[in-house]
């Protein structure tokens, strides 16, 4: 395989990874500003590829139109859940009258959600380009092609799931699955990038306690993200109950789930302090492993700051969006570190 083809794939893959982080940030902004229902339909927004900027551009019965479309989609989704044995969940979707509550048009929320979808579409195009260019690796490393194709399939499923998120009015468990699937897509993109970068180089596998701690730290981070989405869902319920008022009391009213999330943050810190010490001891100052670990530790410190801001300053939206993208950066950094503990790339090689 030519060096040009390899470099082209790496560049496209790297852009894709960056776009995935941007997409997670955009999703965080949508969630923190309550813009998830800014577009009541999918994939279009109010039936248009470029959404309206004023309510006068919509028909008078626009609420009824989109409520009916949502109802029909939810009936189909409930039937699918019945087929897979989730009858109770299907029943709750059918009986949830809040799903059929129409949303008032809000231009700011509409365009916030539209930008999120636009970033998602661009990211999807780059994932497809990765899959196309990955076939250059077919004879040397089929896994790059296979994983790139799987990622395209996952992003199609993620797009469908996004439509369900909209039609079910952000039902809790679907939002959590949506976030975890985003991390899976991110992990695959990082993995294919690393495979392409290290292809043809000798494997230098790191065994022992450092590898075990790296796996544990990554697992805790994934669990922390899942708990974090549950915290956000609980906060949303509190907000709805208080009709958006008494914001300063939302954290207190969230109860045990918020306490668990905060306590788990201490475990995340401890695991990464241990990992940082082991990496510093086992790898040189200029190694990829130590540079990635330093990046992870910096992001964790910033994550702690945003957590404090969220806890004591009534959950400001900017801190919510920052919190979720920092969590994804920690996950991405830990996953890339784990890959480099299995097959190393030193700094000098990475720039050749």
C-alpha atoms as a PDB file:
ATOM      1  CA  UNK A   1       0.000   0.000   0.000  1.00  0.00           C
ATOM      2  CA  UNK A   2       1.309   3.453  -0.885  1.00  0.00           C
ATOM      3  CA  UNK A   3       2.327   5.926   1.775  1.00  0.00           C
ATOM      4  CA  UNK A   4       0.020   8.532   0.193  1.00  0.00           C
ATOM      5  CA  UNK A   5      -3.052   6.290   0.583  1.00  0.00           C
ATOM      6  CA  UNK A   6      -2.102   5.525   4.180  1.00  0.00           C
ATOM      7  CA  UNK A   7      -1.625   9.212   5.024  1.00  0.00           C
ATOM      8  CA  UNK A   8      -4.909  10.147   3.334  1.00  0.00           C
ATOM      9  CA  UNK A   9      -6.818   7.605   5.427  1.00  0.00           C
ATOM     10  CA  UNK A  10      -5.118   8.785   8.627  1.00  0.00           C
ATOM     11  CA  UNK A  11      -5.983  12.415   7.864  1.00  0.00           C
ATOM     12  CA  UNK A  12      -9.639  11.624   7.148  1.00  0.00           C
ATOM     13  CA  UNK A  13      -9.817   9.408  10.217  1.00  0.00           C
ATOM     14  CA  UNK A  14      -8.278  12.085  12.428  1.00  0.00           C
ATOM     15  CA  UNK A  15     -10.757  14.687  11.140  1.00  0.00           C
ATOM     16  CA  UNK A  16     -13.550  12.194  11.878  1.00  0.00           C
ATOM     17  CA  UNK A  17     -12.378  11.767  15.470  1.00  0.00           C
ATOM     18  CA  UNK A  18     -12.288  15.549  15.937  1.00  0.00           C
ATOM     19  CA  UNK A  19     -15.769  15.870  14.410  1.00  0.00           C
ATOM     20  CA  UNK A  20     -17.083  13.218  16.786  1.00  0.00           C
ATOM     21  CA  UNK A  21     -15.907  15.298  19.755  1.00  0.00           C
ATOM     22  CA  UNK A  22     -17.506  18.389  18.184  1.00  0.00           C
ATOM     23  CA  UNK A  23     -20.728  16.408  17.731  1.00  0.00           C
ATOM     24  CA  UNK A  24     -20.710  15.348  21.391  1.00  0.00           C
ATOM     25  CA  UNK A  25     -20.208  19.016  22.323  1.00  0.00           C
ATOM     26  CA  UNK A  26     -23.106  20.026  20.062  1.00  0.00           C
ATOM     27  CA  UNK A  27     -25.267  17.350  21.673  1.00  0.00           C
ATOM     28  CA  UNK A  28     -24.283  18.655  25.100  1.00  0.00           C
ATOM     29  CA  UNK A  29     -25.314  22.179  24.117  1.00  0.00           C
ATOM     30  CA  UNK A  30     -28.653  20.856  22.843  1.00  0.00           C
ATOM     31  CA  UNK A  31     -29.260  18.984  26.088  1.00  0.00           C
ATOM     32  CA  UNK A  32     -28.173  21.791  28.415  1.00  0.00           C
ATOM     33  CA  UNK A  33     -30.312  24.387  26.627  1.00  0.00           C
ATOM     34  CA  UNK A  34     -33.345  22.125  26.377  1.00  0.00           C
ATOM     35  CA  UNK A  35     -33.293  22.278  22.583  1.00  0.00           C
ATOM     36  CA  UNK A  36     -33.816  18.574  21.933  1.00  0.00           C
ATOM     37  CA  UNK A  37     -37.366  19.155  20.740  1.00  0.00           C
ATOM     38  CA  UNK A  38     -36.436  22.271  18.762  1.00  0.00           C
ATOM     39  CA  UNK A  39     -37.117  20.220  15.646  1.00  0.00           C
ATOM     40  CA  UNK A  40     -40.225  18.074  16.193  1.00  0.00           C
ATOM     41  CA  UNK A  41     -39.539  15.822  13.200  1.00  0.00           C
ATOM     42  CA  UNK A  42     -36.548  13.969  11.747  1.00  0.00           C
ATOM     43  CA  UNK A  43     -34.469  14.033   9.537  1.00  0.00           C
ATOM     44  CA  UNK A  44     -35.975  17.316   8.340  1.00  0.00           C
ATOM     45  CA  UNK A  45     -36.773  20.161  10.718  1.00  0.00           C
ATOM     46  CA  UNK A  46     -40.389  21.323  10.515  1.00  0.00           C
ATOM     47  CA  UNK A  47     -40.530  19.507   7.187  1.00  0.00           C
ATOM     48  CA  UNK A  48     -37.698  21.633   5.765  1.00  0.00           C
ATOM     49  CA  UNK A  49     -34.011  21.073   5.073  1.00  0.00           C
ATOM     50  CA  UNK A  50     -33.360  24.661   6.280  1.00  0.00           C
ATOM     51  CA  UNK A  51     -35.597  25.327   9.280  1.00  0.00           C
ATOM     52  CA  UNK A  52     -37.800  28.405   9.740  1.00  0.00           C
ATOM     53  CA  UNK A  53     -36.667  31.462  11.657  1.00  0.00           C
ATOM     54  CA  UNK A  54     -40.133  32.730  12.594  1.00  0.00           C
ATOM     55  CA  UNK A  55     -43.450  31.139  13.517  1.00  0.00           C
ATOM     56  CA  UNK A  56     -45.124  32.948  10.606  1.00  0.00           C
ATOM     57  CA  UNK A  57     -43.306  30.523   8.283  1.00  0.00           C
ATOM     58  CA  UNK A  58     -45.245  27.592   9.756  1.00  0.00           C
ATOM     59  CA  UNK A  59     -48.855  26.528   9.140  1.00  0.00           C
ATOM     60  CA  UNK A  60     -51.337  27.370  11.887  1.00  0.00           C
ATOM     61  CA  UNK A  61     -51.903  23.722  12.752  1.00  0.00           C
ATOM     62  CA  UNK A  62     -48.185  22.817  12.838  1.00  0.00           C
ATOM     63  CA  UNK A  63     -48.459  21.475  16.407  1.00  0.00           C
ATOM     64  CA  UNK A  64     -51.229  19.037  15.546  1.00  0.00           C
ATOM     65  CA  UNK A  65     -49.396  17.888  12.420  1.00  0.00           C
ATOM     66  CA  UNK A  66     -46.205  16.970  14.221  1.00  0.00           C
ATOM     67  CA  UNK A  67     -47.920  15.471  17.263  1.00  0.00           C
ATOM     68  CA  UNK A  68     -49.777  13.075  14.943  1.00  0.00           C
ATOM     69  CA  UNK A  69     -46.579  12.141  13.097  1.00  0.00           C
ATOM     70  CA  UNK A  70     -44.856  11.529  16.424  1.00  0.00           C
ATOM     71  CA  UNK A  71     -47.755   9.393  17.629  1.00  0.00           C
ATOM     72  CA  UNK A  72     -47.584   7.196  14.526  1.00  0.00           C
ATOM     73  CA  UNK A  73     -43.809   6.755  14.883  1.00  0.00           C
ATOM     74  CA  UNK A  74     -44.153   5.836  18.555  1.00  0.00           C
ATOM     75  CA  UNK A  75     -46.800   3.224  17.710  1.00  0.00           C
ATOM     76  CA  UNK A  76     -44.359   1.611  15.268  1.00  0.00           C
ATOM     77  CA  UNK A  77     -41.535   1.786  17.828  1.00  0.00           C
ATOM     78  CA  UNK A  78     -43.755   0.233  20.522  1.00  0.00           C
ATOM     79  CA  UNK A  79     -44.579  -2.641  18.158  1.00  0.00           C
ATOM     80  CA  UNK A  80     -40.854  -3.209  17.641  1.00  0.00           C
ATOM     81  CA  UNK A  81     -40.324  -3.314  21.410  1.00  0.00           C
ATOM     82  CA  UNK A  82     -43.165  -5.846  21.710  1.00  0.00           C
ATOM     83  CA  UNK A  83     -41.464  -8.067  19.130  1.00  0.00           C
ATOM     84  CA  UNK A  84     -38.260  -8.120  21.209  1.00  0.00           C
ATOM     85  CA  UNK A  85     -40.089  -8.854  24.448  1.00  0.00           C
ATOM     86  CA  UNK A  86     -40.082  -5.375  25.986  1.00  0.00           C
ATOM     87  CA  UNK A  87     -43.844  -5.270  26.472  1.00  0.00           C
ATOM     88  CA  UNK A  88     -43.744  -3.159  29.637  1.00  0.00           C
ATOM     89  CA  UNK A  89     -41.580  -0.534  27.983  1.00  0.00           C
ATOM     90  CA  UNK A  90     -43.839  -0.507  24.929  1.00  0.00           C
ATOM     91  CA  UNK A  91     -46.876  -0.056  27.167  1.00  0.00           C
ATOM     92  CA  UNK A  92     -45.290   2.919  28.923  1.00  0.00           C
ATOM     93  CA  UNK A  93     -44.553   4.603  25.597  1.00  0.00           C
ATOM     94  CA  UNK A  94     -48.145   4.073  24.462  1.00  0.00           C
ATOM     95  CA  UNK A  95     -49.535   5.444  27.723  1.00  0.00           C
ATOM     96  CA  UNK A  96     -47.160   8.387  28.164  1.00  0.00           C
ATOM     97  CA  UNK A  97     -49.371  11.356  27.320  1.00  0.00           C
ATOM     98  CA  UNK A  98     -46.485  13.819  27.767  1.00  0.00           C
ATOM     99  CA  UNK A  99     -45.009  12.484  24.527  1.00  0.00           C
ATOM    100  CA  UNK A 100     -47.994  13.967  22.709  1.00  0.00           C
ATOM    101  CA  UNK A 101     -47.656  17.407  24.285  1.00  0.00           C
ATOM    102  CA  UNK A 102     -46.894  19.852  21.445  1.00  0.00           C
ATOM    103  CA  UNK A 103     -43.840  22.091  21.656  1.00  0.00           C
ATOM    104  CA  UNK A 104     -44.094  25.820  20.997  1.00  0.00           C
ATOM    105  CA  UNK A 105     -41.855  27.073  18.195  1.00  0.00           C
ATOM    106  CA  UNK A 106     -38.644  28.634  19.495  1.00  0.00           C
ATOM    107  CA  UNK A 107     -36.210  29.827  16.808  1.00  0.00           C
ATOM    108  CA  UNK A 108     -33.135  29.650  19.057  1.00  0.00           C
ATOM    109  CA  UNK A 109     -33.870  26.064  20.112  1.00  0.00           C
ATOM    110  CA  UNK A 110     -34.776  25.068  16.569  1.00  0.00           C
ATOM    111  CA  UNK A 111     -31.478  26.307  15.163  1.00  0.00           C
ATOM    112  CA  UNK A 112     -29.468  24.858  18.057  1.00  0.00           C
ATOM    113  CA  UNK A 113     -30.895  21.417  17.281  1.00  0.00           C
ATOM    114  CA  UNK A 114     -30.458  22.021  13.535  1.00  0.00           C
ATOM    115  CA  UNK A 115     -26.735  22.821  13.947  1.00  0.00           C
ATOM    116  CA  UNK A 116     -26.395  19.633  16.001  1.00  0.00           C
ATOM    117  CA  UNK A 117     -27.948  17.641  13.155  1.00  0.00           C
ATOM    118  CA  UNK A 118     -25.780  19.412  10.592  1.00  0.00           C
ATOM    119  CA  UNK A 119     -22.608  18.490  12.480  1.00  0.00           C
ATOM    120  CA  UNK A 120     -23.951  14.947  12.714  1.00  0.00           C
ATOM    121  CA  UNK A 121     -24.508  14.789   8.954  1.00  0.00           C
ATOM    122  CA  UNK A 122     -20.977  16.059   8.217  1.00  0.00           C
ATOM    123  CA  UNK A 123     -19.548  13.533  10.678  1.00  0.00           C
ATOM    124  CA  UNK A 124     -21.520  10.778   8.952  1.00  0.00           C
ATOM    125  CA  UNK A 125     -20.023  11.769   5.596  1.00  0.00           C
ATOM    126  CA  UNK A 126     -16.498  11.514   7.023  1.00  0.00           C
ATOM    127  CA  UNK A 127     -17.266   8.130   8.592  1.00  0.00           C
ATOM    128  CA  UNK A 128     -18.401   6.966   5.152  1.00  0.00           C
ATOM    129  CA  UNK A 129     -15.179   8.334   3.602  1.00  0.00           C
ATOM    130  CA  UNK A 130     -13.196   6.410   6.224  1.00  0.00           C
ATOM    131  CA  UNK A 131     -14.987   3.215   5.196  1.00  0.00           C
ATOM    132  CA  UNK A 132     -14.317   3.863   1.498  1.00  0.00           C
ATOM    133  CA  UNK A 133     -10.604   4.640   1.925  1.00  0.00           C
ATOM    134  CA  UNK A 134     -10.162   1.808   4.441  1.00  0.00           C
ATOM    135  CA  UNK A 135     -10.312  -0.745   1.592  1.00  0.00           C
ATOM    136  CA  UNK A 136      -6.759   0.306   0.710  1.00  0.00           C
ATOM    137  CA  UNK A 137      -5.789  -1.640   3.858  1.00  0.00           C
ATOM    138  CA  UNK A 138      -7.719  -4.788   2.927  1.00  0.00           C
ATOM    139  CA  UNK A 139      -4.648  -6.850   2.013  1.00  0.00           C
ATOM    140  CA  UNK A 140      -2.556  -5.646   4.953  1.00  0.00           C
ATOM    141  CA  UNK A 141      -5.051  -5.291   7.815  1.00  0.00           C
ATOM    142  CA  UNK A 142      -8.666  -6.311   7.178  1.00  0.00           C
ATOM    143  CA  UNK A 143      -9.712  -5.143  10.640  1.00  0.00           C
ATOM    144  CA  UNK A 144      -9.360  -1.505   9.590  1.00  0.00           C
ATOM    145  CA  UNK A 145     -11.893  -2.048   6.812  1.00  0.00           C
ATOM    146  CA  UNK A 146     -14.228  -4.217   8.894  1.00  0.00           C
ATOM    147  CA  UNK A 147     -14.323  -1.762  11.807  1.00  0.00           C
ATOM    148  CA  UNK A 148     -14.792   1.212   9.474  1.00  0.00           C
ATOM    149  CA  UNK A 149     -17.800  -0.503   7.868  1.00  0.00           C
ATOM    150  CA  UNK A 150     -19.213  -1.401  11.305  1.00  0.00           C
ATOM    151  CA  UNK A 151     -18.877   2.260  12.277  1.00  0.00           C
ATOM    152  CA  UNK A 152     -20.951   3.353   9.276  1.00  0.00           C
ATOM    153  CA  UNK A 153     -23.660   0.856  10.269  1.00  0.00           C
ATOM    154  CA  UNK A 154     -23.526   2.077  13.860  1.00  0.00           C
ATOM    155  CA  UNK A 155     -23.870   5.716  12.837  1.00  0.00           C
ATOM    156  CA  UNK A 156     -26.916   4.832  10.713  1.00  0.00           C
ATOM    157  CA  UNK A 157     -28.416   3.117  13.752  1.00  0.00           C
ATOM    158  CA  UNK A 158     -27.433   6.113  15.875  1.00  0.00           C
ATOM    159  CA  UNK A 159     -29.265   8.415  13.462  1.00  0.00           C
ATOM    160  CA  UNK A 160     -32.376   6.237  13.718  1.00  0.00           C
ATOM    161  CA  UNK A 161     -32.054   6.229  17.489  1.00  0.00           C
ATOM    162  CA  UNK A 162     -31.811  10.025  17.352  1.00  0.00           C
ATOM    163  CA  UNK A 163     -35.172  10.108  15.611  1.00  0.00           C
ATOM    164  CA  UNK A 164     -36.612   7.953  18.407  1.00  0.00           C
ATOM    165  CA  UNK A 165     -35.117  10.323  20.983  1.00  0.00           C
ATOM    166  CA  UNK A 166     -37.088  13.117  19.311  1.00  0.00           C
ATOM    167  CA  UNK A 167     -40.345  11.204  18.809  1.00  0.00           C
ATOM    168  CA  UNK A 168     -40.423   9.882  22.390  1.00  0.00           C
ATOM    169  CA  UNK A 169     -39.643  13.340  23.796  1.00  0.00           C
ATOM    170  CA  UNK A 170     -36.244  12.363  25.214  1.00  0.00           C
ATOM    171  CA  UNK A 171     -37.231   9.174  27.083  1.00  0.00           C
ATOM    172  CA  UNK A 172     -34.518   8.532  29.659  1.00  0.00           C
ATOM    173  CA  UNK A 173     -33.060   5.140  28.745  1.00  0.00           C
ATOM    174  CA  UNK A 174     -32.924   5.992  25.028  1.00  0.00           C
ATOM    175  CA  UNK A 175     -30.850   9.115  25.777  1.00  0.00           C
ATOM    176  CA  UNK A 176     -28.398   6.974  27.789  1.00  0.00           C
ATOM    177  CA  UNK A 177     -28.061   4.403  24.992  1.00  0.00           C
ATOM    178  CA  UNK A 178     -27.611   7.263  22.515  1.00  0.00           C
ATOM    179  CA  UNK A 179     -24.665   8.614  24.533  1.00  0.00           C
ATOM    180  CA  UNK A 180     -22.987   5.231  25.066  1.00  0.00           C
ATOM    181  CA  UNK A 181     -23.324   4.409  21.376  1.00  0.00           C
ATOM    182  CA  UNK A 182     -21.605   7.716  20.573  1.00  0.00           C
ATOM    183  CA  UNK A 183     -18.664   6.597  22.729  1.00  0.00           C
ATOM    184  CA  UNK A 184     -18.570   3.245  20.920  1.00  0.00           C
ATOM    185  CA  UNK A 185     -18.391   4.992  17.526  1.00  0.00           C
ATOM    186  CA  UNK A 186     -15.650   7.257  18.892  1.00  0.00           C
ATOM    187  CA  UNK A 187     -13.678   4.265  20.197  1.00  0.00           C
ATOM    188  CA  UNK A 188     -13.821   2.478  16.836  1.00  0.00           C
ATOM    189  CA  UNK A 189     -12.615   5.591  15.001  1.00  0.00           C
ATOM    190  CA  UNK A 190      -9.719   5.973  17.442  1.00  0.00           C
ATOM    191  CA  UNK A 191      -8.894   2.275  17.026  1.00  0.00           C
ATOM    192  CA  UNK A 192      -8.776   2.420  13.207  1.00  0.00           C
ATOM    193  CA  UNK A 193      -6.626   5.549  13.379  1.00  0.00           C
ATOM    194  CA  UNK A 194      -4.198   3.803  15.728  1.00  0.00           C
ATOM    195  CA  UNK A 195      -4.123   0.637  13.593  1.00  0.00           C
ATOM    196  CA  UNK A 196      -3.260   2.628  10.489  1.00  0.00           C
ATOM    197  CA  UNK A 197      -0.589   4.599  12.352  1.00  0.00           C
ATOM    198  CA  UNK A 198       1.141   1.536  13.817  1.00  0.00           C
ATOM    199  CA  UNK A 199       0.783  -0.779  10.827  1.00  0.00           C
ATOM    200  CA  UNK A 200       4.093  -2.378   9.915  1.00  0.00           C
ATOM    201  CA  UNK A 201       5.766  -1.457  13.181  1.00  0.00           C
ATOM    202  CA  UNK A 202       6.892  -4.046  15.722  1.00  0.00           C
ATOM    203  CA  UNK A 203       4.447  -4.760  18.524  1.00  0.00           C
ATOM    204  CA  UNK A 204       5.617  -3.731  22.000  1.00  0.00           C
ATOM    205  CA  UNK A 205       2.962  -5.017  24.380  1.00  0.00           C
ATOM    206  CA  UNK A 206       2.844  -3.722  27.936  1.00  0.00           C
ATOM    207  CA  UNK A 207       1.755  -6.305  30.474  1.00  0.00           C
ATOM    208  CA  UNK A 208       1.264  -6.231  34.190  1.00  0.00           C
ATOM    209  CA  UNK A 209      -0.412  -3.861  36.606  1.00  0.00           C
ATOM    210  CA  UNK A 210      -0.309  -0.774  34.373  1.00  0.00           C
ATOM    211  CA  UNK A 211      -2.413  -2.509  31.722  1.00  0.00           C
ATOM    212  CA  UNK A 212      -4.917  -3.750  34.315  1.00  0.00           C
ATOM    213  CA  UNK A 213      -5.260  -0.303  35.923  1.00  0.00           C
ATOM    214  CA  UNK A 214      -5.733   1.271  32.478  1.00  0.00           C
ATOM    215  CA  UNK A 215      -8.618  -1.110  31.753  1.00  0.00           C
ATOM    216  CA  UNK A 216     -10.177  -0.452  35.165  1.00  0.00           C
ATOM    217  CA  UNK A 217      -9.860   3.329  34.739  1.00  0.00           C
ATOM    218  CA  UNK A 218     -11.532   3.136  31.329  1.00  0.00           C
ATOM    219  CA  UNK A 219     -14.367   0.948  32.659  1.00  0.00           C
ATOM    220  CA  UNK A 220     -15.008   3.348  35.548  1.00  0.00           C
ATOM    221  CA  UNK A 221     -15.120   6.290  33.136  1.00  0.00           C
ATOM    222  CA  UNK A 222     -17.725   4.562  30.944  1.00  0.00           C
ATOM    223  CA  UNK A 223     -19.818   3.760  34.012  1.00  0.00           C
ATOM    224  CA  UNK A 224     -19.451   7.348  35.200  1.00  0.00           C
ATOM    225  CA  UNK A 225     -20.741   8.627  31.855  1.00  0.00           C
ATOM    226  CA  UNK A 226     -23.760   6.306  32.114  1.00  0.00           C
ATOM    227  CA  UNK A 227     -24.485   7.519  35.653  1.00  0.00           C
ATOM    228  CA  UNK A 228     -24.018  11.095  34.436  1.00  0.00           C
ATOM    229  CA  UNK A 229     -26.763  10.675  31.836  1.00  0.00           C
ATOM    230  CA  UNK A 230     -29.051   9.338  34.577  1.00  0.00           C
ATOM    231  CA  UNK A 231     -28.242  12.399  36.679  1.00  0.00           C
ATOM    232  CA  UNK A 232     -29.188  14.615  33.752  1.00  0.00           C
ATOM    233  CA  UNK A 233     -32.445  12.707  33.307  1.00  0.00           C
ATOM    234  CA  UNK A 234     -33.259  13.114  37.008  1.00  0.00           C
ATOM    235  CA  UNK A 235     -32.487  16.823  36.823  1.00  0.00           C
ATOM    236  CA  UNK A 236     -34.814  17.093  33.822  1.00  0.00           C
ATOM    237  CA  UNK A 237     -37.590  15.445  35.833  1.00  0.00           C
ATOM    238  CA  UNK A 238     -37.018  17.858  38.713  1.00  0.00           C
ATOM    239  CA  UNK A 239     -37.043  20.787  36.310  1.00  0.00           C
ATOM    240  CA  UNK A 240     -40.307  19.637  34.745  1.00  0.00           C
ATOM    241  CA  UNK A 241     -41.872  19.145  38.160  1.00  0.00           C
ATOM    242  CA  UNK A 242     -40.895  22.667  39.218  1.00  0.00           C
ATOM    243  CA  UNK A 243     -41.829  24.087  35.782  1.00  0.00           C
ATOM    244  CA  UNK A 244     -38.280  25.348  35.287  1.00  0.00           C
ATOM    245  CA  UNK A 245     -38.249  27.344  38.510  1.00  0.00           C
ATOM    246  CA  UNK A 246     -36.171  27.126  41.713  1.00  0.00           C
ATOM    247  CA  UNK A 247     -33.106  26.169  39.696  1.00  0.00           C
ATOM    248  CA  UNK A 248     -30.824  26.503  42.717  1.00  0.00           C
ATOM    249  CA  UNK A 249     -32.628  23.545  44.352  1.00  0.00           C
ATOM    250  CA  UNK A 250     -32.385  21.107  41.437  1.00  0.00           C
ATOM    251  CA  UNK A 251     -29.131  19.477  42.569  1.00  0.00           C
ATOM    252  CA  UNK A 252     -30.433  18.935  46.105  1.00  0.00           C
ATOM    253  CA  UNK A 253     -33.703  17.494  44.809  1.00  0.00           C
ATOM    254  CA  UNK A 254     -31.873  15.088  42.486  1.00  0.00           C
ATOM    255  CA  UNK A 255     -31.018  13.047  45.578  1.00  0.00           C
ATOM    256  CA  UNK A 256     -28.925   9.873  45.725  1.00  0.00           C
ATOM    257  CA  UNK A 257     -28.141   9.601  42.003  1.00  0.00           C
ATOM    258  CA  UNK A 258     -26.259  12.906  42.115  1.00  0.00           C
ATOM    259  CA  UNK A 259     -24.392  11.850  45.268  1.00  0.00           C
ATOM    260  CA  UNK A 260     -23.388   8.570  43.605  1.00  0.00           C
ATOM    261  CA  UNK A 261     -22.105  10.446  40.554  1.00  0.00           C
ATOM    262  CA  UNK A 262     -20.066  12.796  42.717  1.00  0.00           C
ATOM    263  CA  UNK A 263     -18.635   9.959  44.831  1.00  0.00           C
ATOM    264  CA  UNK A 264     -17.719   7.977  41.728  1.00  0.00           C
ATOM    265  CA  UNK A 265     -15.744  10.997  40.512  1.00  0.00           C
ATOM    266  CA  UNK A 266     -13.378  10.427  43.456  1.00  0.00           C
ATOM    267  CA  UNK A 267     -12.858   6.834  42.316  1.00  0.00           C
ATOM    268  CA  UNK A 268     -12.111   8.088  38.787  1.00  0.00           C
ATOM    269  CA  UNK A 269      -9.492  10.439  40.203  1.00  0.00           C
ATOM    270  CA  UNK A 270      -7.858   7.734  42.362  1.00  0.00           C
ATOM    271  CA  UNK A 271      -7.676   5.240  39.477  1.00  0.00           C
ATOM    272  CA  UNK A 272      -6.088   7.812  37.184  1.00  0.00           C
ATOM    273  CA  UNK A 273      -3.607   9.015  39.816  1.00  0.00           C
ATOM    274  CA  UNK A 274      -2.445   5.403  40.140  1.00  0.00           C
ATOM    275  CA  UNK A 275      -2.285   5.052  36.361  1.00  0.00           C
ATOM    276  CA  UNK A 276      -0.373   8.324  36.029  1.00  0.00           C
ATOM    277  CA  UNK A 277       2.223   7.163  38.570  1.00  0.00           C
ATOM    278  CA  UNK A 278       2.682   3.822  36.801  1.00  0.00           C
ATOM    279  CA  UNK A 279       3.008   5.428  33.364  1.00  0.00           C
ATOM    280  CA  UNK A 280       5.560   7.949  34.651  1.00  0.00           C
ATOM    281  CA  UNK A 281       7.545   5.099  36.186  1.00  0.00           C
ATOM    282  CA  UNK A 282       7.379   2.778  33.185  1.00  0.00           C
ATOM    283  CA  UNK A 283       7.741   5.126  30.205  1.00  0.00           C
ATOM    284  CA  UNK A 284      10.082   7.898  29.190  1.00  0.00           C
ATOM    285  CA  UNK A 285       9.126  11.551  29.464  1.00  0.00           C
ATOM    286  CA  UNK A 286       8.719  11.961  25.694  1.00  0.00           C
ATOM    287  CA  UNK A 287       6.811   8.723  25.106  1.00  0.00           C
ATOM    288  CA  UNK A 288       3.305   8.741  23.660  1.00  0.00           C
ATOM    289  CA  UNK A 289       2.045   6.980  26.772  1.00  0.00           C
ATOM    290  CA  UNK A 290       3.259   9.674  29.140  1.00  0.00           C
ATOM    291  CA  UNK A 291       2.065  12.518  26.896  1.00  0.00           C
ATOM    292  CA  UNK A 292      -1.411  10.991  26.559  1.00  0.00           C
ATOM    293  CA  UNK A 293      -1.582  10.358  30.307  1.00  0.00           C
ATOM    294  CA  UNK A 294      -0.636  13.985  31.027  1.00  0.00           C
ATOM    295  CA  UNK A 295      -3.425  15.105  28.687  1.00  0.00           C
ATOM    296  CA  UNK A 296      -5.916  12.823  30.475  1.00  0.00           C
ATOM    297  CA  UNK A 297      -4.917  14.181  33.861  1.00  0.00           C
ATOM    298  CA  UNK A 298      -5.305  17.777  32.703  1.00  0.00           C
ATOM    299  CA  UNK A 299      -8.799  17.038  31.363  1.00  0.00           C
ATOM    300  CA  UNK A 300      -9.742  15.324  34.632  1.00  0.00           C
ATOM    301  CA  UNK A 301      -8.750  18.457  36.553  1.00  0.00           C
ATOM    302  CA  UNK A 302     -10.914  20.574  34.243  1.00  0.00           C
ATOM    303  CA  UNK A 303     -13.724  18.054  34.641  1.00  0.00           C
ATOM    304  CA  UNK A 304     -13.554  18.424  38.414  1.00  0.00           C
ATOM    305  CA  UNK A 305     -13.800  22.212  38.040  1.00  0.00           C
ATOM    306  CA  UNK A 306     -16.916  21.947  35.868  1.00  0.00           C
ATOM    307  CA  UNK A 307     -18.403  19.480  38.360  1.00  0.00           C
ATOM    308  CA  UNK A 308     -17.905  21.989  41.186  1.00  0.00           C
ATOM    309  CA  UNK A 309     -19.463  24.753  39.062  1.00  0.00           C
ATOM    310  CA  UNK A 310     -22.474  22.526  38.334  1.00  0.00           C
ATOM    311  CA  UNK A 311     -22.915  21.618  41.994  1.00  0.00           C
ATOM    312  CA  UNK A 312     -22.632  25.069  43.522  1.00  0.00           C
ATOM    313  CA  UNK A 313     -23.774  27.447  40.783  1.00  0.00           C
ATOM    314  CA  UNK A 314     -27.189  26.017  39.846  1.00  0.00           C
ATOM    315  CA  UNK A 315     -26.171  23.960  36.811  1.00  0.00           C
ATOM    316  CA  UNK A 316     -25.234  26.687  34.290  1.00  0.00           C
ATOM    317  CA  UNK A 317     -25.750  25.421  30.718  1.00  0.00           C
ATOM    318  CA  UNK A 318     -22.175  26.202  29.585  1.00  0.00           C
ATOM    319  CA  UNK A 319     -20.805  24.004  32.392  1.00  0.00           C
ATOM    320  CA  UNK A 320     -23.179  21.170  31.452  1.00  0.00           C
ATOM    321  CA  UNK A 321     -21.962  21.171  27.845  1.00  0.00           C
ATOM    322  CA  UNK A 322     -18.318  21.405  28.949  1.00  0.00           C
ATOM    323  CA  UNK A 323     -18.812  18.578  31.451  1.00  0.00           C
ATOM    324  CA  UNK A 324     -20.046  16.115  28.852  1.00  0.00           C
ATOM    325  CA  UNK A 325     -17.399  16.904  26.231  1.00  0.00           C
ATOM    326  CA  UNK A 326     -14.630  16.690  28.854  1.00  0.00           C
ATOM    327  CA  UNK A 327     -15.978  13.279  29.891  1.00  0.00           C
ATOM    328  CA  UNK A 328     -15.756  12.117  26.275  1.00  0.00           C
ATOM    329  CA  UNK A 329     -12.198  13.491  25.997  1.00  0.00           C
ATOM    330  CA  UNK A 330     -11.210  11.523  29.105  1.00  0.00           C
ATOM    331  CA  UNK A 331     -12.728   8.382  27.599  1.00  0.00           C
ATOM    332  CA  UNK A 332     -11.012   8.978  24.261  1.00  0.00           C
ATOM    333  CA  UNK A 333      -7.658   9.647  25.913  1.00  0.00           C
ATOM    334  CA  UNK A 334      -7.903   6.551  28.111  1.00  0.00           C
ATOM    335  CA  UNK A 335      -8.854   4.364  25.170  1.00  0.00           C
ATOM    336  CA  UNK A 336      -5.965   5.699  23.066  1.00  0.00           C
ATOM    337  CA  UNK A 337      -3.599   5.132  25.989  1.00  0.00           C
ATOM    338  CA  UNK A 338      -4.814   1.545  26.275  1.00  0.00           C
ATOM    339  CA  UNK A 339      -4.122   0.996  22.577  1.00  0.00           C
ATOM    340  CA  UNK A 340      -0.632   2.416  22.992  1.00  0.00           C
ATOM    341  CA  UNK A 341       0.033   0.138  25.933  1.00  0.00           C
ATOM    342  CA  UNK A 342      -0.687  -2.747  23.571  1.00  0.00           C
ATOM    343  CA  UNK A 343       1.223  -1.401  20.589  1.00  0.00           C
ATOM    344  CA  UNK A 344       3.411   1.620  21.143  1.00  0.00           C
ATOM    345  CA  UNK A 345       4.114   4.611  18.923  1.00  0.00           C
ATOM    346  CA  UNK A 346       6.853   6.875  20.189  1.00  0.00           C
ATOM    347  CA  UNK A 347       6.889  10.606  19.515  1.00  0.00           C
ATOM    348  CA  UNK A 348       9.673  10.500  16.961  1.00  0.00           C
ATOM    349  CA  UNK A 349       7.950   7.767  14.892  1.00  0.00           C
ATOM    350  CA  UNK A 350       4.595   9.553  14.980  1.00  0.00           C
ATOM    351  CA  UNK A 351       6.048  12.543  13.131  1.00  0.00           C
ATOM    352  CA  UNK A 352       7.883  10.626  10.411  1.00  0.00           C
END
